[in-house]
Amino acid sequence: MSTDNTTPDAGRRLKMQSMLSILVIVIGILLMIFMITTEDEPGAIPLGLIVLGIGGYLVTRARIRSHHK
């Protein structure tokens, strides 16, 4: 399976990656809220999930834009 964006499913895969990144961000936010309410500090894992999700989302958006050119 090639990783270039020339297959017909490339748009669908990129949209799924975008949705996965958003899901990771939401899970990170929910986990951060839970950690703050129980331990009064956010913790590294929720922050890492949020940063990872935002980074993945930005990379996917850049791929989508380059795919449409």
Protein backbone atom coordinates (compact mmCIF):
# COMPACT_ATOMS: atom_id res chain seq x y z
CA MET A 1 0.00 0.00 0.00
CA SER A 2 1.43 3.32 -1.03
CA THR A 3 1.43 6.35 1.22
CA ASP A 4 1.12 8.94 -1.55
CA ASN A 5 -2.20 10.68 -2.06
CA THR A 6 -2.90 9.44 -5.59
CA THR A 7 -5.40 6.67 -4.79
CA PRO A 8 -9.15 7.31 -5.01
CA ASP A 9 -9.50 6.58 -1.29
CA ALA A 10 -6.97 9.26 -0.32
CA GLY A 11 -9.62 11.86 0.47
CA ARG A 12 -11.57 9.44 2.61
CA ARG A 13 -8.43 8.34 4.48
CA LEU A 14 -7.44 11.93 5.15
CA LYS A 15 -10.90 12.72 6.50
CA MET A 16 -10.71 9.68 8.79
CA GLN A 17 -7.29 10.78 10.04
CA SER A 18 -8.73 14.22 10.73
CA MET A 19 -11.62 12.73 12.69
CA LEU A 20 -9.20 10.53 14.64
CA SER A 21 -7.14 13.59 15.57
CA ILE A 22 -10.26 15.39 16.78
CA LEU A 23 -11.21 12.33 18.81
CA VAL A 24 -7.78 12.29 20.47
CA ILE A 25 -8.15 15.99 21.32
CA VAL A 26 -11.60 15.42 22.86
CA ILE A 27 -10.37 12.44 24.89
CA GLY A 28 -7.43 14.52 26.11
CA ILE A 29 -9.72 17.37 27.17
CA LEU A 30 -12.10 15.02 28.97
CA LEU A 31 -9.23 13.28 30.72
CA MET A 32 -7.76 16.65 31.71
CA ILE A 33 -11.09 17.75 33.20
CA PHE A 34 -11.27 14.48 35.13
CA MET A 35 -7.70 14.79 36.38
CA ILE A 36 -8.18 18.41 37.47
CA THR A 37 -11.38 17.61 39.39
CA THR A 38 -9.88 14.59 41.14
CA GLU A 39 -6.24 15.56 41.70
CA ASP A 40 -6.20 19.36 41.22
CA GLU A 41 -3.51 19.16 38.52
CA PRO A 42 -3.80 18.25 34.83
CA GLY A 43 -1.07 15.64 34.45
CA ALA A 44 1.19 14.92 31.50
CA ILE A 45 -0.87 12.31 29.63
CA PRO A 46 -3.92 14.53 28.95
CA LEU A 47 -1.67 17.39 27.88
CA GLY A 48 0.28 15.02 25.62
CA LEU A 49 -2.93 13.74 24.05
CA ILE A 50 -4.10 17.28 23.32
CA VAL A 51 -0.77 18.30 21.80
CA LEU A 52 -0.56 15.07 19.79
CA GLY A 53 -4.12 15.53 18.53
CA ILE A 54 -3.54 19.14 17.50
CA GLY A 55 -0.30 18.22 15.74
CA GLY A 56 -1.95 15.35 13.90
CA TYR A 57 -4.87 17.54 12.91
CA LEU A 58 -2.60 20.26 11.51
CA VAL A 59 -0.55 17.73 9.53
CA THR A 60 -3.71 16.15 8.14
CA ARG A 61 -5.12 19.55 7.16
CA ALA A 62 -1.88 20.33 5.32
CA ARG A 63 -2.13 16.98 3.49
CA ILE A 64 -5.74 17.67 2.54
CA ARG A 65 -4.80 21.07 1.12
CA SER A 66 -1.90 19.63 -0.86
CA HIS A 67 -4.15 16.81 -2.09
CA HIS A 68 -6.64 19.29 -3.56
CA LYS A 69 -4.03 21.25 -5.52
